[in-house]
Amino acid sequence: MNNIELEEIISFYSKRGDTEILAVLRHIQEDLERNIDPDYETESSEESEVSESDTESELVNDLVEEEVEVKKTCDGHCSIV
């Protein structure tokens, strides 16, 4: 798995709002970065203690808002554009 594929997976779960899997994926991403660059430092390594509520709020900020436009047709049905 390369970093681009991991970014796509993270984006997918961000859209779904699955914060638990996002936390695991972020951890995997940090491990991959450390393997590539031994001098790589993350925010979590800089902070000695991170509360669970802080982590949860950071993950919520990663969520992507999806805009859906509904197009009404002449025969009364709706289709998503």
PDB file of N, CA and C in Angstrom:
ATOM      1  N   MET A   1       0.856  -1.172   0.000  1.00  0.00           N
ATOM      2  CA  MET A   1       0.000   0.000   0.000  1.00  0.00           C
ATOM      3  C   MET A   1       0.898   1.229   0.000  1.00  0.00           C
ATOM      4  N   ASN A   2       0.640   2.119  -0.915  1.00  0.00           N
ATOM      5  CA  ASN A   2       1.430   3.344  -0.919  1.00  0.00           C
ATOM      6  C   ASN A   2       0.632   4.487  -0.301  1.00  0.00           C
ATOM      7  N   ASN A   3       1.283   5.618  -0.162  1.00  0.00           N
ATOM      8  CA  ASN A   3       0.684   6.748   0.534  1.00  0.00           C
ATOM      9  C   ASN A   3      -0.533   7.305  -0.203  1.00  0.00           C
ATOM     10  N   ILE A   4      -0.526   7.256  -1.535  1.00  0.00           N
ATOM     11  CA  ILE A   4      -1.659   7.767  -2.315  1.00  0.00           C
ATOM     12  C   ILE A   4      -2.900   6.916  -2.071  1.00  0.00           C
ATOM     13  N   GLU A   5      -2.742   5.597  -2.069  1.00  0.00           N
ATOM     14  CA  GLU A   5      -3.872   4.713  -1.794  1.00  0.00           C
ATOM     15  C   GLU A   5      -4.404   4.949  -0.387  1.00  0.00           C
ATOM     16  N   LEU A   6      -3.515   5.144   0.562  1.00  0.00           N
ATOM     17  CA  LEU A   6      -3.928   5.389   1.939  1.00  0.00           C
ATOM     18  C   LEU A   6      -4.701   6.701   2.041  1.00  0.00           C
ATOM     19  N   GLU A   7      -4.269   7.724   1.327  1.00  0.00           N
ATOM     20  CA  GLU A   7      -4.986   9.001   1.320  1.00  0.00           C
ATOM     21  C   GLU A   7      -6.400   8.831   0.764  1.00  0.00           C
ATOM     22  N   GLU A   8      -6.556   8.006  -0.274  1.00  0.00           N
ATOM     23  CA  GLU A   8      -7.879   7.757  -0.848  1.00  0.00           C
ATOM     24  C   GLU A   8      -8.776   7.030   0.151  1.00  0.00           C
ATOM     25  N   ILE A   9      -8.210   6.085   0.875  1.00  0.00           N
ATOM     26  CA  ILE A   9      -8.978   5.351   1.884  1.00  0.00           C
ATOM     27  C   ILE A   9      -9.383   6.293   3.011  1.00  0.00           C
ATOM     28  N   ILE A  10      -8.455   7.149   3.444  1.00  0.00           N
ATOM     29  CA  ILE A  10      -8.764   8.119   4.500  1.00  0.00           C
ATOM     30  C   ILE A  10      -9.875   9.056   4.038  1.00  0.00           C
ATOM     31  N   SER A  11      -9.815   9.501   2.795  1.00  0.00           N
ATOM     32  CA  SER A  11     -10.848  10.375   2.250  1.00  0.00           C
ATOM     33  C   SER A  11     -12.210   9.683   2.243  1.00  0.00           C
ATOM     34  N   PHE A  12     -12.223   8.406   1.862  1.00  0.00           N
ATOM     35  CA  PHE A  12     -13.468   7.641   1.827  1.00  0.00           C
ATOM     36  C   PHE A  12     -14.106   7.568   3.211  1.00  0.00           C
ATOM     37  N   TYR A  13     -13.306   7.211   4.222  1.00  0.00           N
ATOM     38  CA  TYR A  13     -13.851   7.086   5.571  1.00  0.00           C
ATOM     39  C   TYR A  13     -14.163   8.447   6.187  1.00  0.00           C
ATOM     40  N   SER A  14     -13.495   9.503   5.744  1.00  0.00           N
ATOM     41  CA  SER A  14     -13.832  10.851   6.203  1.00  0.00           C
ATOM     42  C   SER A  14     -15.228  11.231   5.735  1.00  0.00           C
ATOM     43  N   LYS A  15     -15.528  10.897   4.483  1.00  0.00           N
ATOM     44  CA  LYS A  15     -16.857  11.191   3.941  1.00  0.00           C
ATOM     45  C   LYS A  15     -17.942  10.417   4.672  1.00  0.00           C
ATOM     46  N   ARG A  16     -17.617   9.199   5.102  1.00  0.00           N
ATOM     47  CA  ARG A  16     -18.589   8.377   5.830  1.00  0.00           C
ATOM     48  C   ARG A  16     -18.721   8.805   7.284  1.00  0.00           C
ATOM     49  N   GLY A  17     -17.720   9.523   7.801  1.00  0.00           N
ATOM     50  CA  GLY A  17     -17.777   9.984   9.185  1.00  0.00           C
ATOM     51  C   GLY A  17     -17.363   8.940  10.199  1.00  0.00           C
ATOM     52  N   ASP A  18     -16.600   7.951   9.782  1.00  0.00           N
ATOM     53  CA  ASP A  18     -16.180   6.862  10.670  1.00  0.00           C
ATOM     54  C   ASP A  18     -14.890   7.255  11.392  1.00  0.00           C
ATOM     55  N   THR A  19     -15.032   7.862  12.580  1.00  0.00           N
ATOM     56  CA  THR A  19     -13.880   8.401  13.296  1.00  0.00           C
ATOM     57  C   THR A  19     -12.974   7.324  13.871  1.00  0.00           C
ATOM     58  N   GLU A  20     -13.521   6.169  14.227  1.00  0.00           N
ATOM     59  CA  GLU A  20     -12.692   5.104  14.797  1.00  0.00           C
ATOM     60  C   GLU A  20     -11.711   4.569  13.758  1.00  0.00           C
ATOM     61  N   ILE A  21     -12.190   4.304  12.558  1.00  0.00           N
ATOM     62  CA  ILE A  21     -11.306   3.802  11.504  1.00  0.00           C
ATOM     63  C   ILE A  21     -10.337   4.900  11.073  1.00  0.00           C
ATOM     64  N   LEU A  22     -10.784   6.157  11.079  1.00  0.00           N
ATOM     65  CA  LEU A  22      -9.884   7.261  10.737  1.00  0.00           C
ATOM     66  C   LEU A  22      -8.704   7.330  11.698  1.00  0.00           C
ATOM     67  N   ALA A  23      -8.949   7.098  12.977  1.00  0.00           N
ATOM     68  CA  ALA A  23      -7.860   7.115  13.959  1.00  0.00           C
ATOM     69  C   ALA A  23      -6.844   6.022  13.651  1.00  0.00           C
ATOM     70  N   VAL A  24      -7.325   4.834  13.293  1.00  0.00           N
ATOM     71  CA  VAL A  24      -6.429   3.724  12.949  1.00  0.00           C
ATOM     72  C   VAL A  24      -5.648   4.053  11.682  1.00  0.00           C
ATOM     73  N   LEU A  25      -6.329   4.596  10.682  1.00  0.00           N
ATOM     74  CA  LEU A  25      -5.663   4.939   9.423  1.00  0.00           C
ATOM     75  C   LEU A  25      -4.616   6.035   9.612  1.00  0.00           C
ATOM     76  N   ARG A  26      -4.903   7.013  10.460  1.00  0.00           N
ATOM     77  CA  ARG A  26      -3.917   8.067  10.738  1.00  0.00           C
ATOM     78  C   ARG A  26      -2.679   7.466  11.413  1.00  0.00           C
ATOM     79  N   HIS A  27      -2.902   6.509  12.314  1.00  0.00           N
ATOM     80  CA  HIS A  27      -1.780   5.836  12.981  1.00  0.00           C
ATOM     81  C   HIS A  27      -0.933   5.067  11.957  1.00  0.00           C
ATOM     82  N   ILE A  28      -1.589   4.367  11.045  1.00  0.00           N
ATOM     83  CA  ILE A  28      -0.876   3.637   9.989  1.00  0.00           C
ATOM     84  C   ILE A  28      -0.100   4.616   9.112  1.00  0.00           C
ATOM     85  N   GLN A  29      -0.719   5.741   8.781  1.00  0.00           N
ATOM     86  CA  GLN A  29      -0.062   6.740   7.950  1.00  0.00           C
ATOM     87  C   GLN A  29       1.199   7.277   8.635  1.00  0.00           C
ATOM     88  N   GLU A  30       1.114   7.529   9.938  1.00  0.00           N
ATOM     89  CA  GLU A  30       2.286   8.006  10.677  1.00  0.00           C
ATOM     90  C   GLU A  30       3.386   6.955  10.688  1.00  0.00           C
ATOM     91  N   ASP A  31       3.023   5.682  10.859  1.00  0.00           N
ATOM     92  CA  ASP A  31       4.020   4.607  10.828  1.00  0.00           C
ATOM     93  C   ASP A  31       4.713   4.536   9.469  1.00  0.00           C
ATOM     94  N   LEU A  32       3.939   4.669   8.394  1.00  0.00           N
ATOM     95  CA  LEU A  32       4.531   4.656   7.056  1.00  0.00           C
ATOM     96  C   LEU A  32       5.492   5.827   6.867  1.00  0.00           C
ATOM     97  N   GLU A  33       5.093   7.003   7.340  1.00  0.00           N
ATOM     98  CA  GLU A  33       5.954   8.179   7.212  1.00  0.00           C
ATOM     99  C   GLU A  33       7.248   7.992   8.002  1.00  0.00           C
ATOM    100  N   ARG A  34       7.153   7.392   9.194  1.00  0.00           N
ATOM    101  CA  ARG A  34       8.357   7.142   9.993  1.00  0.00           C
ATOM    102  C   ARG A  34       9.279   6.145   9.309  1.00  0.00           C
ATOM    103  N   ASN A  35       8.716   5.154   8.616  1.00  0.00           N
ATOM    104  CA  ASN A  35       9.540   4.177   7.901  1.00  0.00           C
ATOM    105  C   ASN A  35      10.250   4.816   6.711  1.00  0.00           C
ATOM    106  N   ILE A  36       9.594   5.771   6.070  1.00  0.00           N
ATOM    107  CA  ILE A  36      10.193   6.455   4.930  1.00  0.00           C
ATOM    108  C   ILE A  36      11.248   7.453   5.407  1.00  0.00           C
ATOM    109  N   ASP A  37      10.904   8.236   6.423  1.00  0.00           N
ATOM    110  CA  ASP A  37      11.795   9.278   6.937  1.00  0.00           C
ATOM    111  C   ASP A  37      11.960   9.099   8.443  1.00  0.00           C
ATOM    112  N   PRO A  38      13.101   8.584   8.889  1.00  0.00           N
ATOM    113  CA  PRO A  38      13.309   8.347  10.322  1.00  0.00           C
ATOM    114  C   PRO A  38      13.232   9.622  11.165  1.00  0.00           C
ATOM    115  N   ASP A  39      13.451  10.799  10.564  1.00  0.00           N
ATOM    116  CA  ASP A  39      13.389  12.060  11.300  1.00  0.00           C
ATOM    117  C   ASP A  39      11.980  12.649  11.338  1.00  0.00           C
ATOM    118  N   TYR A  40      11.023  11.933  10.751  1.00  0.00           N
ATOM    119  CA  TYR A  40       9.635  12.410  10.705  1.00  0.00           C
ATOM    120  C   TYR A  40       9.063  12.481  12.116  1.00  0.00           C
ATOM    121  N   GLU A  41       8.493  13.642  12.470  1.00  0.00           N
ATOM    122  CA  GLU A  41       7.860  13.803  13.772  1.00  0.00           C
ATOM    123  C   GLU A  41       6.417  14.214  13.554  1.00  0.00           C
ATOM    124  N   THR A  42       5.539  13.569  14.284  1.00  0.00           N
ATOM    125  CA  THR A  42       4.118  13.877  14.173  1.00  0.00           C
ATOM    126  C   THR A  42       3.706  14.782  15.315  1.00  0.00           C
ATOM    127  N   GLU A  43       2.488  15.295  15.230  1.00  0.00           N
ATOM    128  CA  GLU A  43       1.950  16.095  16.325  1.00  0.00           C
ATOM    129  C   GLU A  43       1.829  15.260  17.586  1.00  0.00           C
ATOM    130  N   SER A  44       1.485  13.987  17.427  1.00  0.00           N
ATOM    131  CA  SER A  44       1.305  13.128  18.595  1.00  0.00           C
ATOM    132  C   SER A  44       2.624  12.849  19.292  1.00  0.00           C
ATOM    133  N   SER A  45       3.731  12.831  18.552  1.00  0.00           N
ATOM    134  CA  SER A  45       5.019  12.603  19.196  1.00  0.00           C
ATOM    135  C   SER A  45       5.516  13.864  19.896  1.00  0.00           C
ATOM    136  N   GLU A  46       5.045  15.027  19.463  1.00  0.00           N
ATOM    137  CA  GLU A  46       5.440  16.277  20.096  1.00  0.00           C
ATOM    138  C   GLU A  46       4.684  16.499  21.399  1.00  0.00           C
ATOM    139  N   GLU A  47       3.463  16.027  21.485  1.00  0.00           N
ATOM    140  CA  GLU A  47       2.660  16.186  22.689  1.00  0.00           C
ATOM    141  C   GLU A  47       2.775  14.925  23.513  1.00  0.00           C
ATOM    142  N   SER A  48       3.062  15.091  24.795  1.00  0.00           N
ATOM    143  CA  SER A  48       3.235  13.908  25.631  1.00  0.00           C
ATOM    144  C   SER A  48       1.900  13.271  25.984  1.00  0.00           C
ATOM    145  N   GLU A  49       0.887  14.096  26.224  1.00  0.00           N
ATOM    146  CA  GLU A  49      -0.421  13.551  26.571  1.00  0.00           C
ATOM    147  C   GLU A  49      -1.475  14.179  25.669  1.00  0.00           C
ATOM    148  N   VAL A  50      -2.281  13.333  25.066  1.00  0.00           N
ATOM    149  CA  VAL A  50      -3.387  13.794  24.235  1.00  0.00           C
ATOM    150  C   VAL A  50      -4.642  13.136  24.773  1.00  0.00           C
ATOM    151  N   SER A  51      -5.610  13.947  25.145  1.00  0.00           N
ATOM    152  CA  SER A  51      -6.840  13.369  25.673  1.00  0.00           C
ATOM    153  C   SER A  51      -7.677  12.813  24.531  1.00  0.00           C
ATOM    154  N   GLU A  52      -8.546  11.877  24.866  1.00  0.00           N
ATOM    155  CA  GLU A  52      -9.376  11.245  23.838  1.00  0.00           C
ATOM    156  C   GLU A  52     -10.324  12.254  23.207  1.00  0.00           C
ATOM    157  N   SER A  53     -10.807  13.209  23.984  1.00  0.00           N
ATOM    158  CA  SER A  53     -11.718  14.212  23.433  1.00  0.00           C
ATOM    159  C   SER A  53     -11.000  15.115  22.431  1.00  0.00           C
ATOM    160  N   ASP A  54      -9.708  15.419  22.679  1.00  0.00           N
ATOM    161  CA  ASP A  54      -8.938  16.207  21.718  1.00  0.00           C
ATOM    162  C   ASP A  54      -8.799  15.458  20.403  1.00  0.00           C
ATOM    163  N   THR A  55      -8.481  14.176  20.480  1.00  0.00           N
ATOM    164  CA  THR A  55      -8.323  13.364  19.284  1.00  0.00           C
ATOM    165  C   THR A  55      -9.639  13.281  18.524  1.00  0.00           C
ATOM    166  N   GLU A  56     -10.732  13.109  19.236  1.00  0.00           N
ATOM    167  CA  GLU A  56     -12.051  13.022  18.609  1.00  0.00           C
ATOM    168  C   GLU A  56     -12.377  14.317  17.868  1.00  0.00           C
ATOM    169  N   SER A  57     -12.077  15.468  18.473  1.00  0.00           N
ATOM    170  CA  SER A  57     -12.384  16.739  17.817  1.00  0.00           C
ATOM    171  C   SER A  57     -11.510  16.952  16.584  1.00  0.00           C
ATOM    172  N   GLU A  58     -10.259  16.475  16.616  1.00  0.00           N
ATOM    173  CA  GLU A  58      -9.399  16.574  15.443  1.00  0.00           C
ATOM    174  C   GLU A  58      -9.947  15.732  14.303  1.00  0.00           C
ATOM    175  N   LEU A  59     -10.457  14.548  14.621  1.00  0.00           N
ATOM    176  CA  LEU A  59     -10.992  13.671  13.587  1.00  0.00           C
ATOM    177  C   LEU A  59     -12.264  14.241  12.986  1.00  0.00           C
ATOM    178  N   VAL A  60     -13.077  14.895  13.791  1.00  0.00           N
ATOM    179  CA  VAL A  60     -14.299  15.496  13.276  1.00  0.00           C
ATOM    180  C   VAL A  60     -13.939  16.594  12.282  1.00  0.00           C
ATOM    181  N   ASN A  61     -12.836  17.301  12.506  1.00  0.00           N
ATOM    182  CA  ASN A  61     -12.400  18.336  11.576  1.00  0.00           C
ATOM    183  C   ASN A  61     -11.939  17.745  10.251  1.00  0.00           C
ATOM    184  N   ASP A  62     -11.583  16.448  10.231  1.00  0.00           N
ATOM    185  CA  ASP A  62     -11.157  15.788   9.003  1.00  0.00           C
ATOM    186  C   ASP A  62     -12.335  15.391   8.113  1.00  0.00           C
ATOM    187  N   LEU A  63     -13.543  15.450   8.647  1.00  0.00           N
ATOM    188  CA  LEU A  63     -14.705  15.014   7.887  1.00  0.00           C
ATOM    189  C   LEU A  63     -14.948  15.956   6.714  1.00  0.00           C
ATOM    190  N   VAL A  64     -15.361  15.372   5.614  1.00  0.00           N
ATOM    191  CA  VAL A  64     -15.609  16.133   4.394  1.00  0.00           C
ATOM    192  C   VAL A  64     -17.114  16.254   4.213  1.00  0.00           C
ATOM    193  N   GLU A  65     -17.576  17.487   4.057  1.00  0.00           N
ATOM    194  CA  GLU A  65     -18.999  17.708   3.855  1.00  0.00           C
ATOM    195  C   GLU A  65     -19.330  17.468   2.392  1.00  0.00           C
ATOM    196  N   GLU A  66     -20.352  16.668   2.157  1.00  0.00           N
ATOM    197  CA  GLU A  66     -20.722  16.317   0.790  1.00  0.00           C
ATOM    198  C   GLU A  66     -21.976  17.083   0.395  1.00  0.00           C
ATOM    199  N   GLU A  67     -21.913  17.749  -0.755  1.00  0.00           N
ATOM    200  CA  GLU A  67     -23.065  18.487  -1.255  1.00  0.00           C
ATOM    201  C   GLU A  67     -23.821  17.626  -2.254  1.00  0.00           C
ATOM    202  N   VAL A  68     -25.122  17.524  -2.067  1.00  0.00           N
ATOM    203  CA  VAL A  68     -25.958  16.734  -2.963  1.00  0.00           C
ATOM    204  C   VAL A  68     -27.001  17.663  -3.563  1.00  0.00           C
ATOM    205  N   GLU A  69     -27.090  17.656  -4.875  1.00  0.00           N
ATOM    206  CA  GLU A  69     -28.072  18.473  -5.572  1.00  0.00           C
ATOM    207  C   GLU A  69     -29.130  17.539  -6.154  1.00  0.00           C
ATOM    208  N   VAL A  70     -30.393  17.836  -5.878  1.00  0.00           N
ATOM    209  CA  VAL A  70     -31.487  16.998  -6.362  1.00  0.00           C
ATOM    210  C   VAL A  70     -32.148  17.704  -7.537  1.00  0.00           C
ATOM    211  N   LYS A  71     -32.254  16.983  -8.647  1.00  0.00           N
ATOM    212  CA  LYS A  71     -32.866  17.531  -9.854  1.00  0.00           C
ATOM    213  C   LYS A  71     -34.243  16.888 -10.020  1.00  0.00           C
ATOM    214  N   LYS A  72     -35.278  17.711 -10.027  1.00  0.00           N
ATOM    215  CA  LYS A  72     -36.633  17.194 -10.198  1.00  0.00           C
ATOM    216  C   LYS A  72     -36.922  17.041 -11.685  1.00  0.00           C
ATOM    217  N   THR A  73     -37.503  15.903 -12.031  1.00  0.00           N
ATOM    218  CA  THR A  73     -37.842  15.646 -13.427  1.00  0.00           C
ATOM    219  C   THR A  73     -39.322  15.916 -13.655  1.00  0.00           C
ATOM    220  N   CYS A  74     -39.723  15.892 -14.895  1.00  0.00           N
ATOM    221  CA  CYS A  74     -41.103  16.222 -15.255  1.00  0.00           C
ATOM    222  C   CYS A  74     -42.111  15.189 -14.775  1.00  0.00           C
ATOM    223  N   ASP A  75     -41.708  13.929 -14.647  1.00  0.00           N
ATOM    224  CA  ASP A  75     -42.677  12.899 -14.286  1.00  0.00           C
ATOM    225  C   ASP A  75     -42.775  12.676 -12.776  1.00  0.00           C
ATOM    226  N   GLY A  76     -42.276  13.609 -11.965  1.00  0.00           N
ATOM    227  CA  GLY A  76     -42.444  13.532 -10.522  1.00  0.00           C
ATOM    228  C   GLY A  76     -41.335  12.814  -9.778  1.00  0.00           C
ATOM    229  N   HIS A  77     -40.411  12.206 -10.482  1.00  0.00           N
ATOM    230  CA  HIS A  77     -39.301  11.518  -9.823  1.00  0.00           C
ATOM    231  C   HIS A  77     -38.133  12.484  -9.650  1.00  0.00           C
ATOM    232  N   CYS A  78     -37.273  12.180  -8.692  1.00  0.00           N
ATOM    233  CA  CYS A  78     -36.085  13.002  -8.462  1.00  0.00           C
ATOM    234  C   CYS A  78     -34.841  12.199  -8.804  1.00  0.00           C
ATOM    235  N   SER A  79     -33.847  12.879  -9.295  1.00  0.00           N
ATOM    236  CA  SER A  79     -32.567  12.222  -9.548  1.00  0.00           C
ATOM    237  C   SER A  79     -31.464  13.055  -8.910  1.00  0.00           C
ATOM    238  N   ILE A  80     -30.436  12.370  -8.421  1.00  0.00           N
ATOM    239  CA  ILE A  80     -29.309  13.066  -7.807  1.00  0.00           C
ATOM    240  C   ILE A  80     -28.323  13.430  -8.900  1.00  0.00           C
ATOM    241  N   VAL A  81     -27.943  14.695  -8.942  1.00  0.00           N
ATOM    242  CA  VAL A  81     -27.035  15.207  -9.966  1.00  0.00           C
ATOM    243  C   VAL A  81     -25.612  15.081  -9.484  1.00  0.00           C
TER     244      VAL A  81
END
